[in-house]
C-alpha atoms as a PDB file:
ATOM      1  CA  MET A   1      58.091  -2.080 -34.222  1.00  0.00           C
ATOM      2  CA  ALA A   2      57.797   0.452 -37.215  1.00  0.00           C
ATOM      3  CA  GLU A   3      55.624  -2.113 -38.702  1.00  0.00           C
ATOM      4  CA  ASN A   4      53.302  -2.086 -36.148  1.00  0.00           C
ATOM      5  CA  ALA A   5      52.875   1.546 -35.996  1.00  0.00           C
ATOM      6  CA  VAL A   6      52.302   1.823 -39.621  1.00  0.00           C
ATOM      7  CA  GLN A   7      49.764  -0.829 -39.534  1.00  0.00           C
ATOM      8  CA  ARG A   8      48.225   0.841 -36.357  1.00  0.00           C
ATOM      9  CA  GLN A   9      48.207   4.221 -38.363  1.00  0.00           C
ATOM     10  CA  THR A  10      46.511   2.768 -41.592  1.00  0.00           C
ATOM     11  CA  ILE A  11      43.732   0.904 -39.477  1.00  0.00           C
ATOM     12  CA  LEU A  12      43.173   4.304 -37.546  1.00  0.00           C
ATOM     13  CA  PHE A  13      43.027   6.321 -40.775  1.00  0.00           C
ATOM     14  CA  LEU A  14      40.405   3.828 -42.306  1.00  0.00           C
ATOM     15  CA  ARG A  15      38.180   3.892 -39.294  1.00  0.00           C
ATOM     16  CA  ASP A  16      38.218   8.018 -39.634  1.00  0.00           C
ATOM     17  CA  THR A  17      37.353   7.827 -43.486  1.00  0.00           C
ATOM     18  CA  ILE A  18      34.634   5.107 -42.772  1.00  0.00           C
ATOM     19  CA  ALA A  19      33.282   7.335 -39.708  1.00  0.00           C
ATOM     20  CA  ARG A  20      33.279  10.505 -42.007  1.00  0.00           C
ATOM     21  CA  ILE A  21      31.451   8.890 -44.676  1.00  0.00           C
ATOM     22  CA  GLU A  22      28.617   7.161 -42.606  1.00  0.00           C
ATOM     23  CA  ASN A  23      28.303  10.553 -40.724  1.00  0.00           C
ATOM     24  CA  CYS A  24      27.895  12.360 -44.260  1.00  0.00           C
ATOM     25  CA  SER A  25      25.027  10.207 -45.393  1.00  0.00           C
ATOM     26  CA  LEU A  26      23.013  10.099 -42.153  1.00  0.00           C
ATOM     27  CA  PRO A  27      19.917  12.447 -41.665  1.00  0.00           C
ATOM     28  CA  GLY A  28      20.211  15.888 -40.075  1.00  0.00           C
ATOM     29  CA  ILE A  29      18.943  14.927 -36.905  1.00  0.00           C
ATOM     30  CA  VAL A  30      21.118  11.879 -36.435  1.00  0.00           C
ATOM     31  CA  ARG A  31      24.163  13.576 -37.700  1.00  0.00           C
ATOM     32  CA  ALA A  32      23.828  16.341 -35.240  1.00  0.00           C
ATOM     33  CA  ALA A  33      23.357  13.620 -32.400  1.00  0.00           C
ATOM     34  CA  LYS A  34      27.015  12.219 -33.698  1.00  0.00           C
ATOM     35  CA  ALA A  35      28.220  15.740 -33.091  1.00  0.00           C
ATOM     36  CA  ALA A  36      27.054  15.918 -29.283  1.00  0.00           C
ATOM     37  CA  ASP A  37      28.950  15.596 -26.677  1.00  0.00           C
ATOM     38  CA  PRO A  38      28.615  11.799 -25.905  1.00  0.00           C
ATOM     39  CA  ALA A  39      28.418  12.583 -21.915  1.00  0.00           C
ATOM     40  CA  GLY A  40      24.849  13.705 -22.496  1.00  0.00           C
ATOM     41  CA  PHE A  41      25.000  17.755 -23.038  1.00  0.00           C
ATOM     42  CA  ARG A  42      25.696  19.941 -25.958  1.00  0.00           C
ATOM     43  CA  ARG A  43      28.756  22.091 -25.730  1.00  0.00           C
ATOM     44  CA  GLY A  44      28.458  25.472 -27.192  1.00  0.00           C
ATOM     45  CA  ARG A  45      31.272  27.511 -28.859  1.00  0.00           C
ATOM     46  CA  GLU A  46      33.090  28.351 -25.875  1.00  0.00           C
ATOM     47  CA  GLY A  47      32.953  24.750 -24.946  1.00  0.00           C
ATOM     48  CA  SER A  48      30.345  25.390 -21.761  1.00  0.00           C
ATOM     49  CA  LEU A  49      27.496  23.158 -20.951  1.00  0.00           C
ATOM     50  CA  GLN A  50      24.447  24.071 -22.630  1.00  0.00           C
ATOM     51  CA  ARG A  51      21.606  22.540 -20.703  1.00  0.00           C
ATOM     52  CA  LYS A  52      18.008  23.542 -20.731  1.00  0.00           C
ATOM     53  CA  VAL A  53      16.239  22.554 -17.313  1.00  0.00           C
ATOM     54  CA  LEU A  54      13.065  22.968 -15.377  1.00  0.00           C
ATOM     55  CA  PRO A  55      13.728  23.969 -11.858  1.00  0.00           C
ATOM     56  CA  PHE A  56      11.513  21.912  -9.182  1.00  0.00           C
ATOM     57  CA  GLY A  57      12.158  24.801  -6.620  1.00  0.00           C
ATOM     58  CA  ILE A  58      12.957  22.236  -3.920  1.00  0.00           C
ATOM     59  CA  THR A  59      16.626  22.958  -3.126  1.00  0.00           C
ATOM     60  CA  ALA A  60      17.724  19.168  -2.379  1.00  0.00           C
ATOM     61  CA  LEU A  61      16.180  17.857  -5.702  1.00  0.00           C
ATOM     62  CA  ASP A  62      17.436  20.959  -7.688  1.00  0.00           C
ATOM     63  CA  ASP A  63      20.944  20.102  -6.347  1.00  0.00           C
ATOM     64  CA  VAL A  64      20.918  16.507  -7.329  1.00  0.00           C
ATOM     65  CA  LEU A  65      19.605  17.397 -10.971  1.00  0.00           C
ATOM     66  CA  ASN A  66      22.320  20.162 -11.355  1.00  0.00           C
ATOM     67  CA  GLY A  67      19.943  22.827 -11.758  1.00  0.00           C
ATOM     68  CA  GLY A  68      16.593  21.108 -12.233  1.00  0.00           C
ATOM     69  CA  LEU A  69      14.589  18.422 -14.585  1.00  0.00           C
ATOM     70  CA  PRO A  70      16.397  18.138 -18.184  1.00  0.00           C
ATOM     71  CA  LEU A  71      14.019  19.173 -20.634  1.00  0.00           C
ATOM     72  CA  GLU A  72      16.117  16.961 -23.202  1.00  0.00           C
ATOM     73  CA  GLY A  73      17.941  13.509 -23.192  1.00  0.00           C
ATOM     74  CA  MET A  74      17.339  10.347 -21.099  1.00  0.00           C
ATOM     75  CA  MET A  75      16.665   9.942 -17.416  1.00  0.00           C
ATOM     76  CA  GLU A  76      15.893   6.432 -15.724  1.00  0.00           C
ATOM     77  CA  ILE A  77      13.299   5.930 -12.895  1.00  0.00           C
ATOM     78  CA  ARG A  78      13.298   2.357 -11.701  1.00  0.00           C
ATOM     79  CA  ASN A  79      11.400   0.552  -8.993  1.00  0.00           C
ATOM     80  CA  ALA A  80      12.925  -2.580  -7.355  1.00  0.00           C
ATOM     81  CA  GLU A  81       9.939  -4.658  -6.863  1.00  0.00           C
ATOM     82  CA  THR A  82       6.468  -5.128  -8.840  1.00  0.00           C
ATOM     83  CA  ARG A  83       4.524  -4.256  -5.821  1.00  0.00           C
ATOM     84  CA  ASP A  84       6.194  -0.451  -5.919  1.00  0.00           C
ATOM     85  CA  ALA A  85       5.561  -0.118  -9.785  1.00  0.00           C
ATOM     86  CA  GLY A  86       2.029   1.845  -8.883  1.00  0.00           C
ATOM     87  CA  ALA A  87       4.500   4.832  -7.092  1.00  0.00           C
ATOM     88  CA  ALA A  88       6.858   4.895  -9.696  1.00  0.00           C
ATOM     89  CA  ALA A  89       4.258   5.294 -12.406  1.00  0.00           C
ATOM     90  CA  GLY A  90       2.776   8.093 -10.489  1.00  0.00           C
ATOM     91  CA  PHE A  91       6.122   9.514 -10.298  1.00  0.00           C
ATOM     92  CA  VAL A  92       6.662   9.264 -13.819  1.00  0.00           C
ATOM     93  CA  ALA A  93       3.359  10.501 -14.749  1.00  0.00           C
ATOM     94  CA  ALA A  94       4.032  13.615 -12.707  1.00  0.00           C
ATOM     95  CA  LEU A  95       7.205  14.494 -14.386  1.00  0.00           C
ATOM     96  CA  ALA A  96       4.883  13.998 -17.908  1.00  0.00           C
ATOM     97  CA  VAL A  97       2.518  16.485 -16.165  1.00  0.00           C
ATOM     98  CA  LEU A  98       5.561  19.005 -15.918  1.00  0.00           C
ATOM     99  CA  TYR A  99       6.768  18.595 -19.016  1.00  0.00           C
ATOM    100  CA  GLN A 100       3.253  19.056 -20.533  1.00  0.00           C
ATOM    101  CA  GLN A 101       2.831  22.336 -18.640  1.00  0.00           C
ATOM    102  CA  VAL A 102       6.206  23.734 -20.248  1.00  0.00           C
ATOM    103  CA  ARG A 103       5.259  23.329 -23.675  1.00  0.00           C
ATOM    104  CA  LYS A 104       1.749  24.514 -22.788  1.00  0.00           C
ATOM    105  CA  GLU A 105       3.199  27.561 -21.473  1.00  0.00           C
ATOM    106  CA  LYS A 106       4.984  28.276 -24.692  1.00  0.00           C
ATOM    107  CA  GLY A 107       1.677  27.963 -26.344  1.00  0.00           C
ATOM    108  CA  ASN A 108       2.445  24.210 -27.895  1.00  0.00           C
ATOM    109  CA  LEU A 109      -0.368  21.842 -26.863  1.00  0.00           C
ATOM    110  CA  ALA A 110       2.078  18.923 -27.365  1.00  0.00           C
ATOM    111  CA  PRO A 111       0.960  15.188 -26.425  1.00  0.00           C
ATOM    112  CA  VAL A 112       2.891  12.798 -23.951  1.00  0.00           C
ATOM    113  CA  LEU A 113       3.540   9.172 -25.706  1.00  0.00           C
ATOM    114  CA  TRP A 114       3.802   6.469 -23.157  1.00  0.00           C
ATOM    115  CA  ILE A 115       5.025   3.056 -24.600  1.00  0.00           C
ATOM    116  CA  SER A 116       4.602  -0.015 -22.442  1.00  0.00           C
ATOM    117  CA  GLN A 117       5.721  -3.393 -23.061  1.00  0.00           C
ATOM    118  CA  SER A 118       2.757  -5.747 -22.877  1.00  0.00           C
ATOM    119  CA  LEU A 119       4.631  -7.914 -20.123  1.00  0.00           C
ATOM    120  CA  ALA A 120       4.908  -4.821 -17.792  1.00  0.00           C
ATOM    121  CA  SER A 121       1.207  -4.027 -18.563  1.00  0.00           C
ATOM    122  CA  ARG A 122       0.282  -7.417 -17.514  1.00  0.00           C
ATOM    123  CA  GLU A 123       2.171  -7.599 -14.227  1.00  0.00           C
ATOM    124  CA  ALA A 124       1.392  -3.795 -13.016  1.00  0.00           C
ATOM    125  CA  GLY A 125      -1.799  -2.704 -14.905  1.00  0.00           C
ATOM    126  CA  GLN A 126      -2.347  -0.359 -17.446  1.00  0.00           C
ATOM    127  CA  LEU A 127      -3.185   3.436 -16.968  1.00  0.00           C
ATOM    128  CA  TYR A 128      -6.407   4.826 -16.280  1.00  0.00           C
ATOM    129  CA  ALA A 129      -7.619   7.816 -18.211  1.00  0.00           C
ATOM    130  CA  PRO A 130     -10.205   9.419 -15.559  1.00  0.00           C
ATOM    131  CA  GLY A 131      -7.009   8.863 -12.951  1.00  0.00           C
ATOM    132  CA  LEU A 132      -4.725  10.573 -15.036  1.00  0.00           C
ATOM    133  CA  LYS A 133      -7.205  13.634 -15.401  1.00  0.00           C
ATOM    134  CA  SER A 134      -7.190  14.115 -11.981  1.00  0.00           C
ATOM    135  CA  TYR A 135      -3.423  13.598 -11.644  1.00  0.00           C
ATOM    136  CA  GLY A 136      -2.996  16.713 -13.772  1.00  0.00           C
ATOM    137  CA  LEU A 137      -2.335  15.188 -17.284  1.00  0.00           C
ATOM    138  CA  ASP A 138      -4.512  16.121 -20.277  1.00  0.00           C
ATOM    139  CA  PRO A 139      -5.838  12.554 -21.451  1.00  0.00           C
ATOM    140  CA  GLN A 140      -6.840  14.269 -24.611  1.00  0.00           C
ATOM    141  CA  ARG A 141      -3.089  14.644 -25.471  1.00  0.00           C
ATOM    142  CA  PHE A 142      -2.112  11.620 -24.407  1.00  0.00           C
ATOM    143  CA  LEU A 143      -1.045   8.619 -26.313  1.00  0.00           C
ATOM    144  CA  PHE A 144      -0.518   5.032 -24.992  1.00  0.00           C
ATOM    145  CA  VAL A 145       1.214   2.372 -26.908  1.00  0.00           C
ATOM    146  CA  SER A 146       1.372  -1.225 -26.080  1.00  0.00           C
ATOM    147  CA  ALA A 147       4.440  -3.259 -27.506  1.00  0.00           C
ATOM    148  CA  ARG A 148       4.362  -6.819 -27.838  1.00  0.00           C
ATOM    149  CA  THR A 149       8.241  -7.190 -27.396  1.00  0.00           C
ATOM    150  CA  VAL A 150      11.138  -5.079 -26.120  1.00  0.00           C
ATOM    151  CA  LYS A 151      12.495  -4.509 -29.317  1.00  0.00           C
ATOM    152  CA  ASP A 152       9.191  -3.443 -30.804  1.00  0.00           C
ATOM    153  CA  ALA A 153       9.078  -0.764 -27.908  1.00  0.00           C
ATOM    154  CA  LEU A 154      12.578   0.336 -28.665  1.00  0.00           C
ATOM    155  CA  TRP A 155      11.663   0.634 -32.195  1.00  0.00           C
ATOM    156  CA  ILE A 156       8.736   2.847 -31.453  1.00  0.00           C
ATOM    157  CA  ALA A 157      10.227   5.324 -28.864  1.00  0.00           C
ATOM    158  CA  GLU A 158      13.692   5.742 -31.380  1.00  0.00           C
ATOM    159  CA  THR A 159      10.947   6.764 -34.164  1.00  0.00           C
ATOM    160  CA  ALA A 160       9.150   8.783 -31.882  1.00  0.00           C
ATOM    161  CA  LEU A 161      12.188  10.767 -30.686  1.00  0.00           C
ATOM    162  CA  SER A 162      13.124  11.575 -34.412  1.00  0.00           C
ATOM    163  CA  VAL A 163       9.802  13.472 -34.508  1.00  0.00           C
ATOM    164  CA  PRO A 164      10.034  16.339 -32.178  1.00  0.00           C
ATOM    165  CA  VAL A 165       6.214  16.817 -31.736  1.00  0.00           C
ATOM    166  CA  PHE A 166       6.130  15.340 -28.004  1.00  0.00           C
ATOM    167  CA  ALA A 167       6.193  17.023 -24.805  1.00  0.00           C
ATOM    168  CA  ALA A 168       7.889  13.850 -23.594  1.00  0.00           C
ATOM    169  CA  VAL A 169       8.345  10.017 -24.382  1.00  0.00           C
ATOM    170  CA  VAL A 170       7.731   7.464 -21.581  1.00  0.00           C
ATOM    171  CA  LEU A 171       9.464   4.113 -22.369  1.00  0.00           C
ATOM    172  CA  GLU A 172       8.284   1.260 -19.675  1.00  0.00           C
ATOM    173  CA  ILE A 173      10.030  -1.865 -19.712  1.00  0.00           C
ATOM    174  CA  ARG A 174       9.838  -5.017 -17.518  1.00  0.00           C
ATOM    175  CA  GLY A 175      12.974  -6.066 -15.628  1.00  0.00           C
ATOM    176  CA  ASN A 176      16.579  -5.662 -17.315  1.00  0.00           C
ATOM    177  CA  PRO A 177      16.359  -7.309 -20.813  1.00  0.00           C
ATOM    178  CA  ALA A 178      19.347  -8.274 -22.815  1.00  0.00           C
ATOM    179  CA  CYS A 179      18.261  -6.100 -25.876  1.00  0.00           C
ATOM    180  CA  LEU A 180      18.284  -2.925 -23.840  1.00  0.00           C
ATOM    181  CA  ALA A 181      21.983  -2.709 -22.855  1.00  0.00           C
ATOM    182  CA  LEU A 182      24.276   0.055 -22.288  1.00  0.00           C
ATOM    183  CA  SER A 183      24.866   0.629 -26.185  1.00  0.00           C
ATOM    184  CA  GLU A 184      21.058   0.805 -26.673  1.00  0.00           C
ATOM    185  CA  SER A 185      20.571   3.394 -23.755  1.00  0.00           C
ATOM    186  CA  ARG A 186      22.914   5.313 -25.266  1.00  0.00           C
ATOM    187  CA  ARG A 187      21.447   5.321 -28.790  1.00  0.00           C
ATOM    188  CA  LEU A 188      18.086   6.660 -27.072  1.00  0.00           C
ATOM    189  CA  ASN A 189      19.893   9.169 -25.066  1.00  0.00           C
ATOM    190  CA  VAL A 190      21.567  10.488 -28.215  1.00  0.00           C
ATOM    191  CA  ARG A 191      18.228  10.491 -29.934  1.00  0.00           C
ATOM    192  CA  ALA A 192      16.441  12.201 -27.404  1.00  0.00           C
ATOM    193  CA  ARG A 193      19.253  15.182 -27.183  1.00  0.00           C
ATOM    194  CA  ALA A 194      18.962  15.657 -30.861  1.00  0.00           C
ATOM    195  CA  GLY A 195      15.496  15.507 -30.918  1.00  0.00           C
ATOM    196  CA  HIS A 196      15.216  18.057 -27.713  1.00  0.00           C
ATOM    197  CA  VAL A 197      12.654  15.776 -26.256  1.00  0.00           C
ATOM    198  CA  PRO A 198      12.752  14.375 -22.698  1.00  0.00           C
ATOM    199  CA  LEU A 199      12.922  10.521 -22.594  1.00  0.00           C
ATOM    200  CA  LEU A 200      12.003   9.048 -19.391  1.00  0.00           C
ATOM    201  CA  LEU A 201      12.969   5.533 -19.306  1.00  0.00           C
ATOM    202  CA  PHE A 202      10.849   3.444 -16.631  1.00  0.00           C
ATOM    203  CA  ARG A 203      12.444   0.446 -15.701  1.00  0.00           C
ATOM    204  CA  GLN A 204       9.553  -1.771 -13.990  1.00  0.00           C
ATOM    205  CA  ALA A 205      11.079  -4.163 -11.423  1.00  0.00           C
ATOM    206  CA  GLY A 206      14.652  -3.648 -12.791  1.00  0.00           C
ATOM    207  CA  GLU A 207      17.940  -3.860 -11.170  1.00  0.00           C
ATOM    208  CA  GLU A 208      20.863  -1.205 -11.111  1.00  0.00           C
ATOM    209  CA  GLU A 209      22.816  -1.612 -14.391  1.00  0.00           C
ATOM    210  CA  ALA A 210      24.943   0.571 -16.550  1.00  0.00           C
ATOM    211  CA  SER A 211      23.235   3.332 -18.444  1.00  0.00           C
ATOM    212  CA  SER A 212      23.684   6.526 -20.505  1.00  0.00           C
ATOM    213  CA  ALA A 213      21.148   7.955 -18.624  1.00  0.00           C
ATOM    214  CA  CYS A 214      22.267  11.376 -16.888  1.00  0.00           C
ATOM    215  CA  PHE A 215      20.400  10.582 -13.836  1.00  0.00           C
ATOM    216  CA  ARG A 216      18.718   7.356 -11.977  1.00  0.00           C
ATOM    217  CA  PHE A 217      16.299   7.550  -9.402  1.00  0.00           C
ATOM    218  CA  GLN A 218      14.773   4.379  -7.594  1.00  0.00           C
ATOM    219  CA  ILE A 219      11.105   5.048  -6.472  1.00  0.00           C
ATOM    220  CA  LYS A 220       9.460   3.902  -3.404  1.00  0.00           C
ATOM    221  CA  PRO A 221       6.020   4.541  -1.905  1.00  0.00           C
ATOM    222  CA  ALA A 222       6.043   6.533   1.225  1.00  0.00           C
ATOM    223  CA  PRO A 223       2.820   6.648   3.549  1.00  0.00           C
ATOM    224  CA  ALA A 224       0.649   9.821   2.470  1.00  0.00           C
ATOM    225  CA  GLY A 225      -0.105  12.274   5.272  1.00  0.00           C
ATOM    226  CA  ALA A 226      -3.924  13.210   6.240  1.00  0.00           C
ATOM    227  CA  ARG A 227      -5.676  16.012   4.787  1.00  0.00           C
ATOM    228  CA  PRO A 228      -5.230  19.349   6.557  1.00  0.00           C
ATOM    229  CA  LEU A 229      -8.167  21.493   7.610  1.00  0.00           C
ATOM    230  CA  PRO A 230      -8.627  25.274   7.437  1.00  0.00           C
ATOM    231  CA  ASP A 231      -8.017  25.343  11.500  1.00  0.00           C
ATOM    232  CA  GLY A 232      -4.824  23.845  11.288  1.00  0.00           C
ATOM    233  CA  SER A 233      -5.837  20.327  12.153  1.00  0.00           C
ATOM    234  CA  VAL A 234      -6.156  17.243  10.147  1.00  0.00           C
ATOM    235  CA  LEU A 235      -8.878  15.155   9.018  1.00  0.00           C
ATOM    236  CA  CYS A 236      -8.902  11.825  10.795  1.00  0.00           C
ATOM    237  CA  GLY A 237      -8.767   9.019   8.362  1.00  0.00           C
ATOM    238  CA  SER A 238      -8.396  10.931   5.295  1.00  0.00           C
ATOM    239  CA  ILE A 239      -5.676  10.582   2.507  1.00  0.00           C
ATOM    240  CA  ASP A 240      -3.686  13.714   1.310  1.00  0.00           C
ATOM    241  CA  HIS A 241      -1.467  13.959  -1.537  1.00  0.00           C
ATOM    242  CA  PRO A 242       0.683  10.977  -2.854  1.00  0.00           C
ATOM    243  CA  ALA A 243       3.930  10.870  -1.435  1.00  0.00           C
ATOM    244  CA  PHE A 244       7.273   9.127  -2.753  1.00  0.00           C
ATOM    245  CA  HIS A 245      10.547   7.964  -1.451  1.00  0.00           C
ATOM    246  CA  LEU A 246      13.373   8.786  -3.950  1.00  0.00           C
ATOM    247  CA  LEU A 247      16.484   7.263  -3.721  1.00  0.00           C
ATOM    248  CA  VAL A 248      19.287   8.966  -6.072  1.00  0.00           C
ATOM    249  CA  GLU A 249      21.215   6.180  -7.655  1.00  0.00           C
ATOM    250  CA  LYS A 250      23.036   8.408 -10.411  1.00  0.00           C
ATOM    251  CA  SER A 251      23.546  11.877 -10.732  1.00  0.00           C
ATOM    252  CA  ARG A 252      26.119  14.826 -11.354  1.00  0.00           C
ATOM    253  CA  ALA A 253      26.491  15.884  -7.936  1.00  0.00           C
ATOM    254  CA  TYR A 254      26.606  13.984  -4.529  1.00  0.00           C
ATOM    255  CA  ALA A 255      23.519  14.612  -2.560  1.00  0.00           C
ATOM    256  CA  ALA A 256      21.496  13.093   0.153  1.00  0.00           C
ATOM    257  CA  ALA A 257      20.447   9.485  -0.689  1.00  0.00           C
ATOM    258  CA  ASP A 258      16.781   9.723   0.439  1.00  0.00           C
ATOM    259  CA  ILE A 259      14.449  12.580  -0.743  1.00  0.00           C
ATOM    260  CA  PHE A 260      10.809  12.583   0.292  1.00  0.00           C
ATOM    261  CA  LEU A 261       8.423  14.371  -1.939  1.00  0.00           C
ATOM    262  CA  GLU A 262       4.533  14.493  -2.422  1.00  0.00           C
ATOM    263  CA  TRP A 263       2.753  15.646  -5.693  1.00  0.00           C
ATOM    264  CA  ASN A 264       0.156  18.173  -5.658  1.00  0.00           C
ATOM    265  CA  ALA A 265      -1.930  17.559  -8.679  1.00  0.00           C
ATOM    266  CA  ASP A 266      -3.988  21.201  -8.145  1.00  0.00           C
ATOM    267  CA  ASP A 267      -0.645  23.098  -8.214  1.00  0.00           C
ATOM    268  CA  ARG A 268       0.781  20.552 -10.730  1.00  0.00           C
ATOM    269  CA  ARG A 269       4.215  20.705  -8.760  1.00  0.00           C
ATOM    270  CA  PHE A 270       6.060  18.640  -6.026  1.00  0.00           C
ATOM    271  CA  TYR A 271       6.267  19.763  -2.488  1.00  0.00           C
ATOM    272  CA  PRO A 272       8.957  18.358   0.223  1.00  0.00           C
ATOM    273  CA  LEU A 273       7.484  16.645   3.116  1.00  0.00           C
ATOM    274  CA  ASP A 274       8.341  18.806   6.188  1.00  0.00           C
ATOM    275  CA  GLU A 275      11.639  18.120   8.062  1.00  0.00           C
ATOM    276  CA  ARG A 276       9.848  16.281  10.933  1.00  0.00           C
ATOM    277  CA  ARG A 277       7.848  13.830   9.114  1.00  0.00           C
ATOM    278  CA  SER A 278      10.715  13.191   6.675  1.00  0.00           C
ATOM    279  CA  ALA A 279      13.048  12.235   9.506  1.00  0.00           C
ATOM    280  CA  ALA A 280      10.706   9.857  10.691  1.00  0.00           C
ATOM    281  CA  LEU A 281      10.017   8.045   7.366  1.00  0.00           C
ATOM    282  CA  GLN A 282      13.919   7.766   6.969  1.00  0.00           C
ATOM    283  CA  ALA A 283      14.331   6.372  10.430  1.00  0.00           C
ATOM    284  CA  SER A 284      11.535   4.073  10.128  1.00  0.00           C
ATOM    285  CA  GLY A 285      13.902   1.730   7.559  1.00  0.00           C
ATOM    286  CA  GLN A 286      12.149  -1.539   7.029  1.00  0.00           C
ATOM    287  CA  PRO A 287       8.267  -1.769   6.517  1.00  0.00           C
ATOM    288  CA  GLU A 288       6.645  -3.258   9.555  1.00  0.00           C
ATOM    289  CA  ASN A 289       5.553  -6.476   7.634  1.00  0.00           C
ATOM    290  CA  PRO A 290       8.541  -7.098   5.619  1.00  0.00           C
ATOM    291  CA  VAL A 291       8.118 -10.011   2.801  1.00  0.00           C
ATOM    292  CA  ASP A 292      10.489 -11.662   0.678  1.00  0.00           C
ATOM    293  CA  PRO A 293      10.764  -9.791  -2.824  1.00  0.00           C
ATOM    294  CA  LEU A 294       9.122 -11.928  -5.419  1.00  0.00           C
ATOM    295  CA  SER A 295      10.557  -9.595  -8.331  1.00  0.00           C
ATOM    296  CA  ALA A 296      13.210 -10.930 -10.638  1.00  0.00           C
ATOM    297  CA  SER A 297      15.104  -9.560 -13.914  1.00  0.00           C
ATOM    298  CA  ALA A 298      13.753 -11.182 -17.102  1.00  0.00           C
ATOM    299  CA  GLY A 299      15.636 -11.708 -20.417  1.00  0.00           C
ATOM    300  CA  ARG A 300      19.030 -12.626 -18.962  1.00  0.00           C
ATOM    301  CA  PRO A 301      20.618 -15.611 -17.036  1.00  0.00           C
ATOM    302  CA  ARG A 302      22.016 -13.935 -14.246  1.00  0.00           C
ATOM    303  CA  ARG A 303      21.053 -10.822 -12.223  1.00  0.00           C
ATOM    304  CA  PRO A 304      22.998  -7.832 -12.664  1.00  0.00           C
ATOM    305  CA  GLN A 305      25.310  -6.841  -9.472  1.00  0.00           C
ATOM    306  CA  PRO A 306      24.329  -3.679  -7.567  1.00  0.00           C
ATOM    307  CA  LEU A 307      26.286  -0.865  -8.678  1.00  0.00           C
ATOM    308  CA  GLY A 308      25.874   1.600  -5.544  1.00  0.00           C
ATOM    309  CA  ARG A 309      26.214   5.124  -5.681  1.00  0.00           C
ATOM    310  CA  LEU A 310      27.527   6.594  -8.838  1.00  0.00           C
ATOM    311  CA  LEU A 311      28.533  10.070  -9.746  1.00  0.00           C
ATOM    312  CA  ALA A 312      27.829  10.857 -13.700  1.00  0.00           C
ATOM    313  CA  PHE A 313      30.964  13.169 -14.772  1.00  0.00           C
ATOM    314  CA  ALA A 314      31.053  14.850 -18.014  1.00  0.00           C
ATOM    315  CA  ARG A 315      33.901  14.132 -20.241  1.00  0.00           C
ATOM    316  CA  ALA A 316      36.996  15.973 -19.932  1.00  0.00           C
ATOM    317  CA  SER A 317      37.446  16.372 -23.497  1.00  0.00           C
END
């Protein structure tokens, strides 16, 4: 028994020595990341959580995000089926606009980097520059990269996060590839926190799976309303601002599962749908003409099992 204890102590000592050697030889940005709290946030001198957030001004959403949109670290947005990819891409683009606005208000005209796996672009299409401009994003400060494989996309993302010059980095991946598992997502989260850059992991037609992202939302399209007229009526046959159905799948605070938002490109902010319309949309449930889902995860022999509602608690120590 004593001999086993000595062996365990020796192994622990060797592991600690190797960890110290590896940590000292790493670049400063990575060494700072390894010293950060593995739960996803940095701890101050008094052990309190130091978080930089951007409040939405929407109580239901800010409660879910524990104060607002994180300004560093990784956040995951997914759509369950390929037909919903347009709505999810619109939601991600709106978040990129908010991040760019924050940097612009500070006098820093930082660009947005959008990294897209080529398979994702072939399935759901590429972004359209005039559309991005009308959506509120500055196309002159927008970089789009098409990566042939997931590994290429991951390498580009990690390299970009090591250079904190971007307002936000978007990583668009198709499905649930095996090379983007829990360990890879944790490395991306650590890189993003160390570089003080927000990373939006956009999982197109992907299933729920374990991830180091602090928050995960599933985005579905919601029917847009009609354009209002000055006299209080609406213009028949018109289409107002794009609307989104946001389902909270992972958060630090238990909140309502369904949140309905609309994006105003002129004001560059989200607005909640009125309570009557939100209740009607939530009660409608399934679409009028349901069809069998055609999307499937790629890169893995079996589909991941549903995770259900998750609460992302910080580490106790």
